[in-house]
Amino acid sequence: MIEITVNSLPEYVNAVTNLRIKDAGIWYRGVESALFEPEPRMIWDKKSQDVERSLIHAFLTKLPQYSNNKNLSLWETYALMQHHGLPTRLLDWSESALVAYYFALSKKYEEQHSHTVWFINPYALNEKALLQRSLFCPGYSNIEVVNDKKLDFNVHLPDNLRPNDIPPINEAFPFAINTTHSSKRISAQKGAFTVQSLKGKGILEFLNKESPESIGKINIKIGSENERLWGIYNLKNLGVDHEMIYQDLDSMCQNIKSTYYLD
């Protein structure tokens, strides 16, 4: 695994531009602490399949109140759950290193924690997990030809999202997917996902063994809360702020308040 330490936004940008990873796209994930390894919340919290079913049922029951989109695919629905904070077996990543930096600095400074950006090569992950160095978008088409065989990605969905005629896969290697930009928030954050089964290996364990040069983290050394806020301010000057990230009226008003030092 690659590990880098930086002290500022310019150092971070320099580190990202100097990553020597094969393939065009690197995905990034910002977290408030290096203690938070790249695992989905459902796995991290050790939630059972029964809890997963209950969460999805509650979400599907209430979704029509808040979404006018009646044509969401199963994977788009699952992605929407994840992007709005419900525990799933999906893990958010971004194609933007600056978006990940924002999330890494979005929580208040705590001396014992190191703000961190994880990064992976999604093509290498899929080459090891699915035997094909490609990305897939099951939200658009759940049937793909993978390693010369048809694969229905719906086998990886939770029980009450998966069609009844599709048998489940409860243990599989983690893999990377693109998602259709079915919401402004996913689009603005340049969102992408990895998928993990309830009983399978996690990304860190899997890639550390199979392709350690394809995963890493950038530790951001922040010495005080003022330094963290300065990093957020510099990001705003580069066009990455609360409003750009969340794309709603609440975030717009939050952004206006911060601009005029009212928050």
C-alpha atoms as a PDB file:
ATOM      1  CA  MET A   1       0.000   0.000   0.000  1.00  0.00           C
ATOM      2  CA  ILE A   2       1.202   3.488  -0.824  1.00  0.00           C
ATOM      3  CA  GLU A   3       1.268   6.031   2.036  1.00  0.00           C
ATOM      4  CA  ILE A   4       1.991   9.755   1.693  1.00  0.00           C
ATOM      5  CA  THR A   5       1.916  12.588   4.238  1.00  0.00           C
ATOM      6  CA  VAL A   6       1.225  16.222   3.338  1.00  0.00           C
ATOM      7  CA  ASN A   7       0.851  19.440   5.348  1.00  0.00           C
ATOM      8  CA  SER A   8      -1.225  21.669   3.067  1.00  0.00           C
ATOM      9  CA  LEU A   9      -3.496  21.820   0.045  1.00  0.00           C
ATOM     10  CA  PRO A  10      -0.628  22.699  -2.369  1.00  0.00           C
ATOM     11  CA  GLU A  11       1.362  19.700  -1.084  1.00  0.00           C
ATOM     12  CA  TYR A  12      -1.709  17.520  -1.492  1.00  0.00           C
ATOM     13  CA  VAL A  13      -2.273  18.631  -5.103  1.00  0.00           C
ATOM     14  CA  ASN A  14       1.405  17.970  -5.826  1.00  0.00           C
ATOM     15  CA  ALA A  15       1.154  14.477  -4.299  1.00  0.00           C
ATOM     16  CA  VAL A  16      -1.935  13.641  -6.355  1.00  0.00           C
ATOM     17  CA  THR A  17      -0.423  14.856  -9.621  1.00  0.00           C
ATOM     18  CA  ASN A  18       2.671  12.747  -8.963  1.00  0.00           C
ATOM     19  CA  LEU A  19       0.860   9.484  -8.247  1.00  0.00           C
ATOM     20  CA  ARG A  20       2.281   6.886 -10.564  1.00  0.00           C
ATOM     21  CA  ILE A  21      -0.657   4.579 -11.040  1.00  0.00           C
ATOM     22  CA  LYS A  22      -1.444   2.807 -14.292  1.00  0.00           C
ATOM     23  CA  ASP A  23      -4.719   3.712 -16.067  1.00  0.00           C
ATOM     24  CA  ALA A  24      -6.418   7.060 -16.462  1.00  0.00           C
ATOM     25  CA  GLY A  25      -8.740   7.157 -13.474  1.00  0.00           C
ATOM     26  CA  ILE A  26      -7.936   7.166  -9.778  1.00  0.00           C
ATOM     27  CA  TRP A  27     -10.759   7.296  -7.239  1.00  0.00           C
ATOM     28  CA  TYR A  28     -10.496   9.165  -3.939  1.00  0.00           C
ATOM     29  CA  ARG A  29     -12.295   8.993  -0.602  1.00  0.00           C
ATOM     30  CA  GLY A  30     -11.816  11.632   2.108  1.00  0.00           C
ATOM     31  CA  VAL A  31     -12.365  10.702   5.754  1.00  0.00           C
ATOM     32  CA  GLU A  32     -11.935  12.643   8.980  1.00  0.00           C
ATOM     33  CA  SER A  33      -9.598  10.057  10.518  1.00  0.00           C
ATOM     34  CA  ALA A  34      -7.076   7.491   9.301  1.00  0.00           C
ATOM     35  CA  LEU A  35      -8.855   5.090  11.651  1.00  0.00           C
ATOM     36  CA  PHE A  36     -11.722   4.906   9.148  1.00  0.00           C
ATOM     37  CA  GLU A  37     -10.587   2.262   6.700  1.00  0.00           C
ATOM     38  CA  PRO A  38     -12.339   1.967   3.307  1.00  0.00           C
ATOM     39  CA  GLU A  39     -15.220  -0.257   4.405  1.00  0.00           C
ATOM     40  CA  PRO A  40     -18.954   0.296   3.850  1.00  0.00           C
ATOM     41  CA  ARG A  41     -20.955   1.387   6.888  1.00  0.00           C
ATOM     42  CA  MET A  42     -23.022  -1.817   6.857  1.00  0.00           C
ATOM     43  CA  ILE A  43     -19.804  -3.850   7.178  1.00  0.00           C
ATOM     44  CA  TRP A  44     -18.041  -1.443   9.551  1.00  0.00           C
ATOM     45  CA  ASP A  45     -20.968  -1.499  11.973  1.00  0.00           C
ATOM     46  CA  LYS A  46     -21.316  -5.292  11.640  1.00  0.00           C
ATOM     47  CA  LYS A  47     -25.009  -5.001  10.809  1.00  0.00           C
ATOM     48  CA  SER A  48     -26.958  -8.141   9.972  1.00  0.00           C
ATOM     49  CA  GLN A  49     -28.874  -8.948   6.800  1.00  0.00           C
ATOM     50  CA  ASP A  50     -32.123  -8.409   8.734  1.00  0.00           C
ATOM     51  CA  VAL A  51     -31.084  -4.834   9.563  1.00  0.00           C
ATOM     52  CA  GLU A  52     -30.159  -4.270   5.916  1.00  0.00           C
ATOM     53  CA  ARG A  53     -33.614  -5.450   4.795  1.00  0.00           C
ATOM     54  CA  SER A  54     -35.343  -3.200   7.339  1.00  0.00           C
ATOM     55  CA  LEU A  55     -33.383  -0.106   6.265  1.00  0.00           C
ATOM     56  CA  ILE A  56     -34.140  -0.684   2.605  1.00  0.00           C
ATOM     57  CA  HIS A  57     -37.819  -1.318   3.299  1.00  0.00           C
ATOM     58  CA  ALA A  58     -38.111   1.945   5.262  1.00  0.00           C
ATOM     59  CA  PHE A  59     -36.301   3.866   2.513  1.00  0.00           C
ATOM     60  CA  LEU A  60     -38.454   2.447  -0.291  1.00  0.00           C
ATOM     61  CA  THR A  61     -41.618   3.184   1.673  1.00  0.00           C
ATOM     62  CA  LYS A  62     -40.783   6.877   2.130  1.00  0.00           C
ATOM     63  CA  LEU A  63     -38.848   7.605  -1.065  1.00  0.00           C
ATOM     64  CA  PRO A  64     -41.923   8.741  -3.117  1.00  0.00           C
ATOM     65  CA  GLN A  65     -42.414  11.661  -0.687  1.00  0.00           C
ATOM     66  CA  TYR A  66     -39.006  13.098  -1.575  1.00  0.00           C
ATOM     67  CA  SER A  67     -38.243  12.049  -5.143  1.00  0.00           C
ATOM     68  CA  ASN A  68     -40.218  12.803  -8.281  1.00  0.00           C
ATOM     69  CA  ASN A  69     -38.124  10.377 -10.300  1.00  0.00           C
ATOM     70  CA  LYS A  70     -40.300   7.310 -10.865  1.00  0.00           C
ATOM     71  CA  ASN A  71     -37.825   5.637 -13.219  1.00  0.00           C
ATOM     72  CA  LEU A  72     -34.868   4.946 -10.938  1.00  0.00           C
ATOM     73  CA  SER A  73     -33.212   1.611 -11.610  1.00  0.00           C
ATOM     74  CA  LEU A  74     -32.504  -0.753  -8.714  1.00  0.00           C
ATOM     75  CA  TRP A  75     -28.839   0.281  -8.597  1.00  0.00           C
ATOM     76  CA  GLU A  76     -29.718   3.982  -8.829  1.00  0.00           C
ATOM     77  CA  THR A  77     -32.045   3.519  -5.845  1.00  0.00           C
ATOM     78  CA  TYR A  78     -29.297   1.760  -3.885  1.00  0.00           C
ATOM     79  CA  ALA A  79     -26.816   4.528  -4.752  1.00  0.00           C
ATOM     80  CA  LEU A  80     -29.314   7.166  -3.614  1.00  0.00           C
ATOM     81  CA  MET A  81     -29.584   5.446  -0.226  1.00  0.00           C
ATOM     82  CA  GLN A  82     -25.817   5.540   0.197  1.00  0.00           C
ATOM     83  CA  HIS A  83     -25.402   9.128  -0.938  1.00  0.00           C
ATOM     84  CA  HIS A  84     -27.970  10.346   1.565  1.00  0.00           C
ATOM     85  CA  GLY A  85     -26.394   8.646   4.550  1.00  0.00           C
ATOM     86  CA  LEU A  86     -28.050   5.258   5.044  1.00  0.00           C
ATOM     87  CA  PRO A  87     -25.718   2.324   5.798  1.00  0.00           C
ATOM     88  CA  THR A  88     -25.283   0.100   2.734  1.00  0.00           C
ATOM     89  CA  ARG A  89     -22.674  -2.240   1.274  1.00  0.00           C
ATOM     90  CA  LEU A  90     -21.681   0.508  -1.154  1.00  0.00           C
ATOM     91  CA  LEU A  91     -18.729   2.784  -0.460  1.00  0.00           C
ATOM     92  CA  ASP A  92     -18.612   6.321  -1.867  1.00  0.00           C
ATOM     93  CA  TRP A  93     -15.607   7.398  -3.910  1.00  0.00           C
ATOM     94  CA  SER A  94     -15.023  10.450  -6.071  1.00  0.00           C
ATOM     95  CA  GLU A  95     -13.210  10.948  -9.334  1.00  0.00           C
ATOM     96  CA  SER A  96     -12.178  14.349  -7.933  1.00  0.00           C
ATOM     97  CA  ALA A  97      -9.227  14.598  -5.561  1.00  0.00           C
ATOM     98  CA  LEU A  98     -10.447  18.037  -4.431  1.00  0.00           C
ATOM     99  CA  VAL A  99     -13.889  16.694  -3.480  1.00  0.00           C
ATOM    100  CA  ALA A 100     -12.174  14.034  -1.384  1.00  0.00           C
ATOM    101  CA  TYR A 101      -9.997  16.689   0.274  1.00  0.00           C
ATOM    102  CA  TYR A 102     -13.166  18.603   1.200  1.00  0.00           C
ATOM    103  CA  PHE A 103     -14.659  15.557   2.899  1.00  0.00           C
ATOM    104  CA  ALA A 104     -11.398  14.841   4.715  1.00  0.00           C
ATOM    105  CA  LEU A 105     -11.470  18.346   6.229  1.00  0.00           C
ATOM    106  CA  SER A 106     -15.231  18.605   6.733  1.00  0.00           C
ATOM    107  CA  LYS A 107     -15.214  17.563  10.405  1.00  0.00           C
ATOM    108  CA  LYS A 108     -13.697  19.613  13.236  1.00  0.00           C
ATOM    109  CA  TYR A 109     -10.039  19.152  14.085  1.00  0.00           C
ATOM    110  CA  GLU A 110      -9.146  16.602  16.755  1.00  0.00           C
ATOM    111  CA  GLU A 111      -5.520  16.361  17.784  1.00  0.00           C
ATOM    112  CA  GLN A 112      -5.402  12.554  17.909  1.00  0.00           C
ATOM    113  CA  HIS A 113      -6.813  12.066  14.391  1.00  0.00           C
ATOM    114  CA  SER A 114      -5.144  12.447  11.001  1.00  0.00           C
ATOM    115  CA  HIS A 115      -7.446  13.638   8.213  1.00  0.00           C
ATOM    116  CA  THR A 116      -6.983  11.178   5.361  1.00  0.00           C
ATOM    117  CA  VAL A 117      -7.732  10.658   1.674  1.00  0.00           C
ATOM    118  CA  TRP A 118      -7.773   7.049   0.497  1.00  0.00           C
ATOM    119  CA  PHE A 119      -7.231   6.321  -3.189  1.00  0.00           C
ATOM    120  CA  ILE A 120      -7.617   3.256  -5.388  1.00  0.00           C
ATOM    121  CA  ASN A 121      -7.179   2.211  -8.965  1.00  0.00           C
ATOM    122  CA  PRO A 122     -10.688   0.880  -9.779  1.00  0.00           C
ATOM    123  CA  TYR A 123      -9.485  -0.806 -12.966  1.00  0.00           C
ATOM    124  CA  ALA A 124      -6.918  -2.842 -11.063  1.00  0.00           C
ATOM    125  CA  LEU A 125      -9.544  -3.756  -8.466  1.00  0.00           C
ATOM    126  CA  ASN A 126     -11.889  -5.112 -11.142  1.00  0.00           C
ATOM    127  CA  GLU A 127      -9.085  -6.933 -12.914  1.00  0.00           C
ATOM    128  CA  LYS A 128      -8.393  -8.867  -9.715  1.00  0.00           C
ATOM    129  CA  ALA A 129     -12.037  -9.252  -8.611  1.00  0.00           C
ATOM    130  CA  LEU A 130     -13.841  -9.776 -11.940  1.00  0.00           C
ATOM    131  CA  LEU A 131     -10.890 -10.738 -14.171  1.00  0.00           C
ATOM    132  CA  GLN A 132     -11.503  -7.788 -16.465  1.00  0.00           C
ATOM    133  CA  ARG A 133      -9.735  -4.410 -16.384  1.00  0.00           C
ATOM    134  CA  SER A 134     -12.914  -2.410 -17.023  1.00  0.00           C
ATOM    135  CA  LEU A 135     -15.529  -0.373 -15.220  1.00  0.00           C
ATOM    136  CA  PHE A 136     -19.234  -1.191 -15.326  1.00  0.00           C
ATOM    137  CA  CYS A 137     -22.434   0.768 -14.772  1.00  0.00           C
ATOM    138  CA  PRO A 138     -25.195  -1.562 -13.530  1.00  0.00           C
ATOM    139  CA  GLY A 139     -27.477   1.437 -12.971  1.00  0.00           C
ATOM    140  CA  TYR A 140     -27.651   1.726 -16.761  1.00  0.00           C
ATOM    141  CA  SER A 141     -27.360  -1.956 -17.666  1.00  0.00           C
ATOM    142  CA  ASN A 142     -27.247  -4.708 -15.067  1.00  0.00           C
ATOM    143  CA  ILE A 143     -26.199  -7.316 -17.658  1.00  0.00           C
ATOM    144  CA  GLU A 144     -22.580  -7.036 -18.776  1.00  0.00           C
ATOM    145  CA  VAL A 145     -20.146  -9.323 -20.572  1.00  0.00           C
ATOM    146  CA  VAL A 146     -17.357  -9.971 -18.079  1.00  0.00           C
ATOM    147  CA  ASN A 147     -14.438 -12.217 -18.987  1.00  0.00           C
ATOM    148  CA  ASP A 148     -16.421 -13.486 -22.019  1.00  0.00           C
ATOM    149  CA  LYS A 149     -19.384 -14.476 -19.838  1.00  0.00           C
ATOM    150  CA  LYS A 150     -22.657 -12.702 -19.138  1.00  0.00           C
ATOM    151  CA  LEU A 151     -22.870 -11.384 -15.587  1.00  0.00           C
ATOM    152  CA  ASP A 152     -26.040 -10.060 -14.007  1.00  0.00           C
ATOM    153  CA  PHE A 153     -24.873  -7.504 -11.444  1.00  0.00           C
ATOM    154  CA  ASN A 154     -28.251  -7.751  -9.715  1.00  0.00           C
ATOM    155  CA  VAL A 155     -26.971 -10.849  -7.909  1.00  0.00           C
ATOM    156  CA  HIS A 156     -25.007  -8.432  -5.708  1.00  0.00           C
ATOM    157  CA  LEU A 157     -28.044  -6.405  -4.615  1.00  0.00           C
ATOM    158  CA  PRO A 158     -29.578  -6.825  -1.142  1.00  0.00           C
ATOM    159  CA  ASP A 159     -32.595  -9.113  -0.783  1.00  0.00           C
ATOM    160  CA  ASN A 160     -35.431  -6.620  -1.059  1.00  0.00           C
ATOM    161  CA  LEU A 161     -33.896  -4.765  -4.005  1.00  0.00           C
ATOM    162  CA  ARG A 162     -32.872  -7.883  -5.930  1.00  0.00           C
ATOM    163  CA  PRO A 163     -35.472  -9.309  -8.364  1.00  0.00           C
ATOM    164  CA  ASN A 164     -37.108 -12.488  -7.067  1.00  0.00           C
ATOM    165  CA  ASP A 165     -35.791 -14.661  -9.889  1.00  0.00           C
ATOM    166  CA  ILE A 166     -32.156 -13.706  -9.250  1.00  0.00           C
ATOM    167  CA  PRO A 167     -30.263 -15.848  -6.707  1.00  0.00           C
ATOM    168  CA  PRO A 168     -28.026 -13.955  -4.242  1.00  0.00           C
ATOM    169  CA  ILE A 169     -24.253 -14.013  -3.909  1.00  0.00           C
ATOM    170  CA  ASN A 170     -23.392 -13.627  -0.245  1.00  0.00           C
ATOM    171  CA  GLU A 171     -19.617 -13.860  -0.588  1.00  0.00           C
ATOM    172  CA  ALA A 172     -17.649 -12.188  -3.367  1.00  0.00           C
ATOM    173  CA  PHE A 173     -14.603 -10.026  -3.913  1.00  0.00           C
ATOM    174  CA  PRO A 174     -15.175  -6.241  -3.753  1.00  0.00           C
ATOM    175  CA  PHE A 175     -15.491  -4.535  -7.132  1.00  0.00           C
ATOM    176  CA  ALA A 176     -15.864  -1.026  -8.586  1.00  0.00           C
ATOM    177  CA  ILE A 177     -18.838   0.435 -10.454  1.00  0.00           C
ATOM    178  CA  ASN A 178     -19.753   3.712 -12.049  1.00  0.00           C
ATOM    179  CA  THR A 179     -23.200   5.077 -11.389  1.00  0.00           C
ATOM    180  CA  THR A 180     -25.581   7.048 -13.546  1.00  0.00           C
ATOM    181  CA  HIS A 181     -25.777  10.626 -12.287  1.00  0.00           C
ATOM    182  CA  SER A 182     -29.396  10.301 -11.229  1.00  0.00           C
ATOM    183  CA  SER A 183     -29.107  13.139  -8.701  1.00  0.00           C
ATOM    184  CA  LYS A 184     -27.387  16.518  -8.749  1.00  0.00           C
ATOM    185  CA  ARG A 185     -25.455  15.571  -5.629  1.00  0.00           C
ATOM    186  CA  ILE A 186     -23.910  12.438  -7.149  1.00  0.00           C
ATOM    187  CA  SER A 187     -23.058  14.372 -10.300  1.00  0.00           C
ATOM    188  CA  ALA A 188     -21.478  17.319  -8.449  1.00  0.00           C
ATOM    189  CA  GLN A 189     -19.377  15.014  -6.295  1.00  0.00           C
ATOM    190  CA  LYS A 190     -18.292  12.987  -9.358  1.00  0.00           C
ATOM    191  CA  GLY A 191     -19.509   9.958  -7.472  1.00  0.00           C
ATOM    192  CA  ALA A 192     -18.511   6.350  -7.971  1.00  0.00           C
ATOM    193  CA  PHE A 193     -18.828   3.270  -5.774  1.00  0.00           C
ATOM    194  CA  THR A 194     -17.247   0.047  -4.697  1.00  0.00           C
ATOM    195  CA  VAL A 195     -19.475  -2.884  -3.749  1.00  0.00           C
ATOM    196  CA  GLN A 196     -18.734  -5.338  -0.969  1.00  0.00           C
ATOM    197  CA  SER A 197     -20.530  -8.511   0.076  1.00  0.00           C
ATOM    198  CA  LEU A 198     -21.506  -9.132   3.696  1.00  0.00           C
ATOM    199  CA  LYS A 199     -19.072 -12.019   4.079  1.00  0.00           C
ATOM    200  CA  GLY A 200     -16.357 -11.226   1.534  1.00  0.00           C
ATOM    201  CA  LYS A 201     -12.967  -9.573   1.907  1.00  0.00           C
ATOM    202  CA  GLY A 202     -12.737  -5.807   2.247  1.00  0.00           C
ATOM    203  CA  ILE A 203     -10.994  -3.590  -0.302  1.00  0.00           C
ATOM    204  CA  LEU A 204      -7.949  -2.916   1.863  1.00  0.00           C
ATOM    205  CA  GLU A 205      -7.337  -6.583   2.656  1.00  0.00           C
ATOM    206  CA  PHE A 206      -8.047  -7.670  -0.923  1.00  0.00           C
ATOM    207  CA  LEU A 207      -5.894  -5.096  -2.751  1.00  0.00           C
ATOM    208  CA  ASN A 208      -3.070  -5.228  -0.213  1.00  0.00           C
ATOM    209  CA  LYS A 209      -2.691  -8.884  -1.135  1.00  0.00           C
ATOM    210  CA  GLU A 210      -3.539  -8.801  -4.841  1.00  0.00           C
ATOM    211  CA  SER A 211      -2.285  -5.389  -6.013  1.00  0.00           C
ATOM    212  CA  PRO A 212      -0.720  -3.277  -3.205  1.00  0.00           C
ATOM    213  CA  GLU A 213       0.439  -0.612  -5.676  1.00  0.00           C
ATOM    214  CA  SER A 214      -3.240   0.074  -6.524  1.00  0.00           C
ATOM    215  CA  ILE A 215      -4.353   1.374  -3.130  1.00  0.00           C
ATOM    216  CA  GLY A 216      -3.019   3.989  -0.760  1.00  0.00           C
ATOM    217  CA  LYS A 217      -3.735   6.905   1.510  1.00  0.00           C
ATOM    218  CA  ILE A 218      -2.644  10.508   1.845  1.00  0.00           C
ATOM    219  CA  ASN A 219      -2.429  11.656   5.465  1.00  0.00           C
ATOM    220  CA  ILE A 220      -3.135  15.381   5.855  1.00  0.00           C
ATOM    221  CA  LYS A 221      -1.347  16.796   8.875  1.00  0.00           C
ATOM    222  CA  ILE A 222      -3.493  19.543  10.387  1.00  0.00           C
ATOM    223  CA  GLY A 223      -2.136  21.241  13.500  1.00  0.00           C
ATOM    224  CA  SER A 224      -5.204  23.170  14.628  1.00  0.00           C
ATOM    225  CA  GLU A 225      -8.828  23.988  13.876  1.00  0.00           C
ATOM    226  CA  ASN A 226      -7.688  27.244  12.226  1.00  0.00           C
ATOM    227  CA  GLU A 227      -5.492  25.266   9.824  1.00  0.00           C
ATOM    228  CA  ARG A 228      -8.451  23.059   8.912  1.00  0.00           C
ATOM    229  CA  LEU A 229     -10.656  26.096   8.255  1.00  0.00           C
ATOM    230  CA  TRP A 230      -7.889  27.653   6.162  1.00  0.00           C
ATOM    231  CA  GLY A 231      -7.819  24.506   4.043  1.00  0.00           C
ATOM    232  CA  ILE A 232     -11.600  24.709   3.549  1.00  0.00           C
ATOM    233  CA  TYR A 233     -11.268  28.405   2.616  1.00  0.00           C
ATOM    234  CA  ASN A 234      -8.602  27.622   0.011  1.00  0.00           C
ATOM    235  CA  LEU A 235     -10.814  24.907  -1.448  1.00  0.00           C
ATOM    236  CA  LYS A 236     -13.655  27.406  -1.747  1.00  0.00           C
ATOM    237  CA  ASN A 237     -11.405  29.651  -3.813  1.00  0.00           C
ATOM    238  CA  LEU A 238     -10.959  26.672  -6.140  1.00  0.00           C
ATOM    239  CA  GLY A 239     -14.721  26.236  -6.514  1.00  0.00           C
ATOM    240  CA  VAL A 240     -15.249  23.391  -4.028  1.00  0.00           C
ATOM    241  CA  ASP A 241     -17.529  24.334  -1.146  1.00  0.00           C
ATOM    242  CA  HIS A 242     -20.601  23.166   0.779  1.00  0.00           C
ATOM    243  CA  GLU A 243     -23.033  24.341  -1.896  1.00  0.00           C
ATOM    244  CA  MET A 244     -21.125  22.705  -4.738  1.00  0.00           C
ATOM    245  CA  ILE A 245     -20.940  19.426  -2.800  1.00  0.00           C
ATOM    246  CA  TYR A 246     -24.560  19.112  -1.649  1.00  0.00           C
ATOM    247  CA  GLN A 247     -26.529  20.983  -4.340  1.00  0.00           C
ATOM    248  CA  ASP A 248     -29.616  22.053  -2.375  1.00  0.00           C
ATOM    249  CA  LEU A 249     -31.154  25.184  -0.859  1.00  0.00           C
ATOM    250  CA  ASP A 250     -29.870  24.414   2.639  1.00  0.00           C
ATOM    251  CA  SER A 251     -26.292  24.175   1.409  1.00  0.00           C
ATOM    252  CA  MET A 252     -26.713  27.342  -0.678  1.00  0.00           C
ATOM    253  CA  CYS A 253     -27.855  29.285   2.403  1.00  0.00           C
ATOM    254  CA  GLN A 254     -25.066  27.749   4.486  1.00  0.00           C
ATOM    255  CA  ASN A 255     -22.588  28.915   1.867  1.00  0.00           C
ATOM    256  CA  ILE A 256     -23.985  32.463   1.851  1.00  0.00           C
ATOM    257  CA  LYS A 257     -23.775  32.626   5.657  1.00  0.00           C
ATOM    258  CA  SER A 258     -20.168  31.481   5.680  1.00  0.00           C
ATOM    259  CA  THR A 259     -19.274  33.993   2.946  1.00  0.00           C
ATOM    260  CA  TYR A 260     -20.532  36.830   5.164  1.00  0.00           C
ATOM    261  CA  TYR A 261     -19.025  35.330   8.359  1.00  0.00           C
ATOM    262  CA  LEU A 262     -22.419  34.578   9.863  1.00  0.00           C
ATOM    263  CA  ASP A 263     -21.582  30.982  10.688  1.00  0.00           C
END
